[in-house]
């Protein structure tokens, strides 16, 4: 066994990561393949995440990569080492051997606590799936089922959980109508679809709202606007003003709700078609299929600022529900509320007969000696 580490971009080193992922998930038809370009975009240019320092660790048995971890510490939370991009064979002793080096790397970066999985940053991806009874959706964590046990064996304990659940459209319509009647949010707020003709400007608005409304979340760290735009550039093709909104008060943005139709299965098909069709033809097929996709609506990102009087704007979800009524009623997709935290006040918006739990997720943590 040998361990190799990197603190700057190394093409061959991270190509091994891509190859290992392909090996581990070769039999998983629903898992999107990793790309070297994905890692290059995150790690090659230090200006993309200027507040972060990282150490990448790989465990080899002869020439085969057996386990890997990226350890990242930000100046925003210098006591916490984020551990992510974790992949490993089902070999607890090998994983523990690597993990000893992970803890040393975290301490070398000045951290006193480990937290993960967090893949580089809040805005990239985090959490592991701990239970599910549904097909995966776009961006949902997918990992080997034994990973949480590998974590527990090295002292990483579950620290927070989230749920994804399906809501029933017609029951929700009645409930949100009652909320609008009681709160009358339209008297104070104006809701509009994201203007796709001004996508870059809208991205800047959403980035600002993200930073202002998510800053108290324990996993949140801000990123530069240009990095945000790079990470979400592909959303230009999957979001629609029918389902993604900015809410304004007195002409100023105060909240956002970004929902989109799940493209996961389509992207998987596209990757298979790339091996059979010319590149431009496959890309054309992808764009057409995404525009015609009405299978599952992912209610994904919601944030709101406080009102000028310091109180919370009431009835925003009911306002969004009214705006989406006809597009949803005509297309009849499944409605998934994604990644609702265990302590989220939003849970009070749904009655038990209105929702159906489909997946659970967790983040783990450990204090270092």
Protein backbone atom coordinates (compact mmCIF):
# COMPACT_ATOMS: atom_id res chain seq x y z
CA UNK A 1 0.00 0.00 0.00
CA UNK A 2 1.14 3.52 -0.71
CA UNK A 3 -0.45 6.96 -0.36
CA UNK A 4 0.06 9.80 -2.79
CA UNK A 5 -1.00 13.40 -2.13
CA UNK A 6 -1.40 16.53 -4.24
CA UNK A 7 -2.01 20.18 -3.34
CA UNK A 8 -2.07 21.51 -6.93
CA UNK A 9 -3.65 20.28 -10.14
CA UNK A 10 -2.14 17.11 -11.59
CA UNK A 11 -3.85 15.71 -14.69
CA UNK A 12 -2.64 12.12 -14.33
CA UNK A 13 -3.42 11.99 -10.60
CA UNK A 14 -7.05 13.00 -11.07
CA UNK A 15 -7.44 10.84 -14.17
CA UNK A 16 -6.91 7.94 -11.77
CA UNK A 17 -9.88 9.26 -9.78
CA UNK A 18 -12.05 9.26 -12.90
CA UNK A 19 -10.92 5.75 -13.79
CA UNK A 20 -11.61 4.47 -10.28
CA UNK A 21 -15.15 5.87 -10.34
CA UNK A 22 -15.75 4.16 -13.70
CA UNK A 23 -14.52 0.86 -12.25
CA UNK A 24 -16.58 1.05 -9.06
CA UNK A 25 -19.82 2.00 -10.82
CA UNK A 26 -19.42 -0.01 -14.02
CA UNK A 27 -22.58 -2.00 -13.25
CA UNK A 28 -24.68 1.01 -12.15
CA UNK A 29 -26.72 2.19 -15.13
CA UNK A 30 -28.21 5.18 -13.28
CA UNK A 31 -24.90 6.74 -12.16
CA UNK A 32 -23.51 9.61 -14.23
CA UNK A 33 -19.85 9.14 -15.12
CA UNK A 34 -17.21 11.43 -13.69
CA UNK A 35 -15.25 13.67 -16.02
CA UNK A 36 -11.71 14.99 -15.78
CA UNK A 37 -13.11 18.35 -16.91
CA UNK A 38 -15.28 18.44 -13.77
CA UNK A 39 -12.22 18.18 -11.54
CA UNK A 40 -10.22 20.54 -13.72
CA UNK A 41 -12.88 23.23 -13.39
CA UNK A 42 -12.88 22.93 -9.60
CA UNK A 43 -9.21 22.44 -8.77
CA UNK A 44 -6.95 23.78 -11.50
CA UNK A 45 -7.55 27.50 -10.97
CA UNK A 46 -7.10 28.63 -7.32
CA UNK A 47 -9.06 31.81 -8.11
CA UNK A 48 -12.25 29.76 -8.50
CA UNK A 49 -12.31 29.10 -4.74
CA UNK A 50 -9.90 31.72 -3.37
CA UNK A 51 -10.70 31.03 0.29
CA UNK A 52 -10.01 27.29 0.08
CA UNK A 53 -6.86 25.21 0.46
CA UNK A 54 -6.97 21.51 -0.36
CA UNK A 55 -5.05 18.26 -0.12
CA UNK A 56 -6.00 15.30 -2.32
CA UNK A 57 -5.11 11.83 -1.04
CA UNK A 58 -5.06 8.55 -2.97
CA UNK A 59 -4.43 5.05 -1.63
CA UNK A 60 -2.91 2.58 -4.09
CA UNK A 61 -2.43 -1.16 -3.95
CA UNK A 62 0.40 -1.58 -6.43
CA UNK A 63 -0.96 0.38 -9.45
CA UNK A 64 -4.68 0.20 -8.60
CA UNK A 65 -6.38 3.11 -6.83
CA UNK A 66 -8.32 1.68 -3.89
CA UNK A 67 -9.54 4.79 -1.99
CA UNK A 68 -9.45 8.56 -2.33
CA UNK A 69 -10.46 11.72 -0.41
CA UNK A 70 -10.24 15.47 -0.97
CA UNK A 71 -9.65 17.50 2.20
CA UNK A 72 -10.56 21.21 1.98
CA UNK A 73 -10.38 24.02 4.54
CA UNK A 74 -11.81 27.49 3.97
CA UNK A 75 -10.82 30.72 5.69
CA UNK A 76 -14.55 31.26 6.27
CA UNK A 77 -14.64 28.20 8.57
CA UNK A 78 -10.98 27.46 9.36
CA UNK A 79 -11.79 24.96 12.12
CA UNK A 80 -13.70 22.61 9.77
CA UNK A 81 -12.07 20.33 7.19
CA UNK A 82 -14.51 19.37 4.45
CA UNK A 83 -13.93 15.81 3.25
CA UNK A 84 -15.39 14.87 -0.11
CA UNK A 85 -15.13 13.11 -3.46
CA UNK A 86 -14.82 9.96 -1.35
CA UNK A 87 -14.67 6.66 -3.18
CA UNK A 88 -13.38 3.36 -1.87
CA UNK A 89 -13.47 -0.36 -2.37
CA UNK A 90 -15.31 -2.27 0.33
CA UNK A 91 -12.14 -2.65 2.38
CA UNK A 92 -12.49 -1.11 5.89
CA UNK A 93 -8.83 -1.66 6.83
CA UNK A 94 -7.61 0.08 3.68
CA UNK A 95 -10.03 2.94 4.25
CA UNK A 96 -8.89 3.35 7.86
CA UNK A 97 -5.25 3.39 6.69
CA UNK A 98 -6.08 6.28 4.34
CA UNK A 99 -8.24 8.01 6.94
CA UNK A 100 -5.33 8.32 9.37
CA UNK A 101 -3.62 10.41 6.69
CA UNK A 102 -6.83 12.37 6.10
CA UNK A 103 -6.89 13.44 9.74
CA UNK A 104 -3.22 14.44 9.62
CA UNK A 105 -3.91 16.48 6.47
CA UNK A 106 -6.86 18.22 8.13
CA UNK A 107 -4.73 19.15 11.13
CA UNK A 108 -1.95 20.40 8.83
CA UNK A 109 -4.53 22.76 7.29
CA UNK A 110 -5.42 24.01 10.78
CA UNK A 111 -8.76 22.23 11.25
CA UNK A 112 -10.04 20.68 14.48
CA UNK A 113 -13.16 19.04 13.03
CA UNK A 114 -14.01 16.88 10.01
CA UNK A 115 -17.29 17.19 8.14
CA UNK A 116 -18.53 15.37 5.08
CA UNK A 117 -19.16 14.27 2.54
CA UNK A 118 -18.78 17.79 1.16
CA UNK A 119 -17.38 17.70 -2.37
CA UNK A 120 -15.15 20.76 -2.31
CA UNK A 121 -17.94 23.20 -1.52
CA UNK A 122 -21.59 23.71 -0.59
CA UNK A 123 -22.32 24.84 -4.16
CA UNK A 124 -20.78 21.70 -5.72
CA UNK A 125 -22.50 18.89 -3.78
CA UNK A 126 -22.69 17.33 -0.34
CA UNK A 127 -24.53 14.65 1.69
CA UNK A 128 -24.83 10.92 1.26
CA UNK A 129 -28.06 9.08 0.58
CA UNK A 130 -28.96 6.84 3.52
CA UNK A 131 -32.32 5.51 2.29
CA UNK A 132 -34.40 5.71 -0.87
CA UNK A 133 -37.27 4.04 -2.68
CA UNK A 134 -37.17 6.09 -5.91
CA UNK A 135 -35.07 6.48 -9.03
CA UNK A 136 -32.27 9.05 -8.62
CA UNK A 137 -32.82 12.60 -9.78
CA UNK A 138 -30.35 15.11 -11.20
CA UNK A 139 -27.65 16.13 -8.72
CA UNK A 140 -28.77 13.66 -6.08
CA UNK A 141 -25.87 11.97 -4.22
CA UNK A 142 -25.26 8.41 -5.34
CA UNK A 143 -22.66 6.32 -3.58
CA UNK A 144 -21.91 2.76 -2.59
CA UNK A 145 -24.24 1.55 0.21
CA UNK A 146 -21.35 0.57 2.46
CA UNK A 147 -19.86 4.09 2.61
CA UNK A 148 -21.73 5.23 5.74
CA UNK A 149 -20.38 2.17 7.56
CA UNK A 150 -16.84 3.05 6.45
CA UNK A 151 -17.42 6.49 7.94
CA UNK A 152 -18.73 5.14 11.23
CA UNK A 153 -15.77 2.78 11.51
CA UNK A 154 -13.39 5.77 11.53
CA UNK A 155 -15.46 7.73 14.05
CA UNK A 156 -17.56 9.88 11.70
CA UNK A 157 -21.04 10.21 13.19
CA UNK A 158 -24.23 11.44 11.57
CA UNK A 159 -24.68 15.13 12.39
CA UNK A 160 -27.58 16.32 10.22
CA UNK A 161 -30.25 14.82 7.96
CA UNK A 162 -32.44 15.89 5.06
CA UNK A 163 -35.49 14.44 3.33
CA UNK A 164 -36.84 14.46 -0.20
CA UNK A 165 -40.54 13.83 -0.52
CA UNK A 166 -43.20 13.78 -3.17
CA UNK A 167 -46.21 16.04 -2.71
CA UNK A 168 -49.71 15.49 -4.04
CA UNK A 169 -50.62 18.26 -6.45
CA UNK A 170 -54.37 18.67 -5.90
CA UNK A 171 -54.15 18.51 -2.12
CA UNK A 172 -51.39 21.09 -2.24
CA UNK A 173 -53.45 23.37 -4.47
CA UNK A 174 -56.24 23.49 -1.89
CA UNK A 175 -53.86 24.07 1.02
CA UNK A 176 -51.85 26.80 -0.71
CA UNK A 177 -55.06 28.52 -1.74
CA UNK A 178 -56.08 28.69 1.90
CA UNK A 179 -52.63 30.09 2.85
CA UNK A 180 -52.83 32.79 0.15
CA UNK A 181 -56.27 33.78 1.36
CA UNK A 182 -54.94 34.11 4.91
CA UNK A 183 -51.54 35.72 4.18
CA UNK A 184 -52.41 37.65 0.98
CA UNK A 185 -48.74 37.77 -0.14
CA UNK A 186 -49.66 39.31 -3.50
CA UNK A 187 -50.52 42.54 -1.67
CA UNK A 188 -46.82 43.01 -0.80
CA UNK A 189 -44.91 40.87 -3.28
CA UNK A 190 -44.53 40.54 -7.05
CA UNK A 191 -43.46 37.23 -8.58
CA UNK A 192 -41.94 36.85 -12.03
CA UNK A 193 -40.30 34.08 -14.02
CA UNK A 194 -36.53 34.10 -14.50
CA UNK A 195 -35.83 36.14 -17.65
CA UNK A 196 -33.84 33.76 -19.88
CA UNK A 197 -32.96 36.59 -22.31
CA UNK A 198 -31.04 38.22 -19.43
CA UNK A 199 -29.63 35.00 -18.00
CA UNK A 200 -26.27 36.41 -16.84
CA UNK A 201 -27.98 39.27 -14.98
CA UNK A 202 -30.49 36.90 -13.43
CA UNK A 203 -27.62 34.64 -12.31
CA UNK A 204 -26.05 37.64 -10.56
CA UNK A 205 -29.36 38.36 -8.80
CA UNK A 206 -29.78 34.73 -7.69
CA UNK A 207 -26.13 34.56 -6.53
CA UNK A 208 -26.70 37.64 -4.36
CA UNK A 209 -29.92 36.21 -2.94
CA UNK A 210 -28.23 32.86 -2.27
CA UNK A 211 -25.48 34.59 -0.30
CA UNK A 212 -27.90 36.78 1.65
CA UNK A 213 -30.45 34.07 2.48
CA UNK A 214 -28.27 30.96 3.01
CA UNK A 215 -25.41 32.46 5.02
CA UNK A 216 -26.62 31.00 8.33
CA UNK A 217 -26.65 27.40 7.06
CA UNK A 218 -23.81 25.45 8.71
CA UNK A 219 -22.49 24.08 5.39
CA UNK A 220 -22.74 27.39 3.50
CA UNK A 221 -19.72 29.37 2.29
CA UNK A 222 -19.85 32.16 -0.30
CA UNK A 223 -18.14 31.92 -3.68
CA UNK A 224 -17.25 34.52 -6.34
CA UNK A 225 -19.95 35.36 -8.85
CA UNK A 226 -17.87 34.07 -11.77
CA UNK A 227 -17.40 30.70 -10.04
CA UNK A 228 -21.15 30.54 -9.39
CA UNK A 229 -21.82 31.22 -13.07
CA UNK A 230 -19.35 28.52 -14.13
CA UNK A 231 -20.91 25.93 -11.81
CA UNK A 232 -24.45 26.63 -12.98
CA UNK A 233 -23.82 27.48 -16.64
CA UNK A 234 -25.66 24.34 -17.71
CA UNK A 235 -28.82 25.51 -15.98
CA UNK A 236 -29.38 27.84 -18.94
CA UNK A 237 -30.74 24.77 -20.73
CA UNK A 238 -32.76 23.11 -17.95
CA UNK A 239 -34.56 25.93 -16.13
CA UNK A 240 -37.67 27.65 -17.45
CA UNK A 241 -39.52 30.85 -16.45
CA UNK A 242 -42.57 28.59 -15.99
CA UNK A 243 -40.93 27.01 -12.94
CA UNK A 244 -38.08 29.31 -11.78
CA UNK A 245 -38.96 32.61 -10.13
CA UNK A 246 -37.67 35.77 -8.50
CA UNK A 247 -39.92 37.47 -5.96
CA UNK A 248 -39.72 41.25 -5.51
CA UNK A 249 -40.83 43.76 -2.89
CA UNK A 250 -41.02 47.41 -3.94
CA UNK A 251 -39.11 46.50 -7.08
CA UNK A 252 -36.20 44.84 -5.25
CA UNK A 253 -35.48 41.07 -5.29
CA UNK A 254 -36.18 39.53 -1.87
CA UNK A 255 -36.59 35.80 -2.62
CA UNK A 256 -36.06 33.16 -5.26
CA UNK A 257 -37.40 29.72 -6.08
CA UNK A 258 -35.54 27.70 -8.71
CA UNK A 259 -37.30 24.52 -9.81
CA UNK A 260 -36.68 22.45 -12.95
CA UNK A 261 -37.73 19.27 -14.69
CA UNK A 262 -35.43 16.38 -13.81
CA UNK A 263 -33.01 15.74 -16.73
CA UNK A 264 -31.13 12.85 -15.09
CA UNK A 265 -32.48 10.00 -17.26
CA UNK A 266 -32.12 12.11 -20.42
CA UNK A 267 -28.46 12.90 -19.69
CA UNK A 268 -27.78 9.20 -19.17
CA UNK A 269 -29.36 8.46 -22.56
CA UNK A 270 -27.32 11.27 -24.13
CA UNK A 271 -24.06 9.74 -22.88
CA UNK A 272 -25.02 6.43 -24.49
CA UNK A 273 -25.98 8.17 -27.77
CA UNK A 274 -22.62 9.97 -27.88
CA UNK A 275 -21.04 6.61 -28.66
CA UNK A 276 -23.38 6.05 -31.62
CA UNK A 277 -24.20 9.45 -33.14
CA UNK A 278 -22.19 12.44 -34.39
CA UNK A 279 -21.56 14.92 -31.57
CA UNK A 280 -23.76 17.75 -32.93
CA UNK A 281 -26.67 15.39 -33.60
CA UNK A 282 -26.45 13.96 -30.06
CA UNK A 283 -26.38 17.49 -28.61
CA UNK A 284 -29.42 18.50 -30.67
CA UNK A 285 -31.27 15.42 -29.41
CA UNK A 286 -30.33 16.36 -25.83
CA UNK A 287 -31.65 19.93 -26.10
CA UNK A 288 -34.92 18.82 -27.70
CA UNK A 289 -35.52 16.10 -25.11
CA UNK A 290 -34.84 18.49 -22.23
CA UNK A 291 -37.31 21.03 -23.62
CA UNK A 292 -39.94 18.30 -23.98
CA UNK A 293 -39.31 16.82 -20.53
CA UNK A 294 -42.19 16.98 -18.03
CA UNK A 295 -41.57 13.84 -15.95
CA UNK A 296 -40.53 15.08 -12.50
CA UNK A 297 -40.44 18.68 -11.27
CA UNK A 298 -37.65 19.17 -8.75
CA UNK A 299 -38.45 21.91 -6.25
CA UNK A 300 -34.84 22.53 -5.41
CA UNK A 301 -33.62 25.98 -4.31
CA UNK A 302 -35.70 28.37 -2.21
CA UNK A 303 -34.40 31.37 -0.28
CA UNK A 304 -35.92 34.50 1.18
CA UNK A 305 -34.68 37.70 2.82
CA UNK A 306 -36.34 39.30 5.83
CA UNK A 307 -38.88 42.06 5.27
CA UNK A 308 -37.84 45.69 5.98
CA UNK A 309 -39.51 45.43 9.41
CA UNK A 310 -37.27 42.43 10.23
CA UNK A 311 -40.12 39.93 10.00
CA UNK A 312 -40.40 37.10 7.50
CA UNK A 313 -42.27 37.56 4.25
CA UNK A 314 -45.27 35.25 4.52
CA UNK A 315 -46.92 33.13 1.84
CA UNK A 316 -44.05 32.96 -0.68
CA UNK A 317 -44.50 29.22 -1.29
CA UNK A 318 -48.21 29.71 -1.89
CA UNK A 319 -47.42 32.52 -4.34
CA UNK A 320 -45.04 30.20 -6.24
CA UNK A 321 -47.66 27.44 -6.22
CA UNK A 322 -50.23 29.77 -7.78
CA UNK A 323 -47.77 30.87 -10.47
CA UNK A 324 -46.96 27.26 -11.36
CA UNK A 325 -50.54 25.99 -11.27
CA UNK A 326 -51.35 25.86 -14.99
CA UNK A 327 -47.93 24.60 -16.19
CA UNK A 328 -48.08 21.81 -13.59
CA UNK A 329 -51.78 21.05 -14.12
CA UNK A 330 -51.27 20.68 -17.88
CA UNK A 331 -48.05 18.63 -17.73
CA UNK A 332 -48.83 16.60 -14.56
CA UNK A 333 -45.25 15.80 -13.46
CA UNK A 334 -44.34 14.23 -10.17
CA UNK A 335 -43.53 17.00 -7.66
CA UNK A 336 -40.45 16.42 -5.49
CA UNK A 337 -39.50 18.73 -2.62
CA UNK A 338 -35.74 18.17 -2.50
CA UNK A 339 -33.37 18.23 0.48
CA UNK A 340 -35.59 19.57 3.25
CA UNK A 341 -33.56 19.78 6.46
CA UNK A 342 -34.77 17.93 9.52
CA UNK A 343 -35.32 21.24 11.37
CA UNK A 344 -36.65 23.28 8.44
CA UNK A 345 -39.71 25.47 9.16
CA UNK A 346 -40.86 24.57 5.63
CA UNK A 347 -41.93 21.15 6.93
CA UNK A 348 -44.84 22.86 8.66
CA UNK A 349 -46.19 23.81 5.23
CA UNK A 350 -47.12 20.20 4.44
CA UNK A 351 -49.62 17.92 6.10
CA UNK A 352 -48.81 14.22 6.50
CA UNK A 353 -51.40 13.15 3.92
CA UNK A 354 -49.98 15.62 1.44
CA UNK A 355 -46.46 14.17 1.19
CA UNK A 356 -44.76 10.83 0.57
CA UNK A 357 -41.17 10.36 1.75
CA UNK A 358 -38.90 8.93 -0.96
CA UNK A 359 -35.28 9.57 0.15
CA UNK A 360 -33.13 10.47 3.17
CA UNK A 361 -29.63 11.94 3.36
CA UNK A 362 -27.02 12.73 5.97
CA UNK A 363 -23.79 14.58 6.66
CA UNK A 364 -21.29 13.18 9.16
CA UNK A 365 -18.78 14.85 11.46
CA UNK A 366 -15.96 14.12 13.90
CA UNK A 367 -13.89 16.21 16.32
CA UNK A 368 -10.14 15.73 15.95
CA UNK A 369 -7.98 15.03 18.98
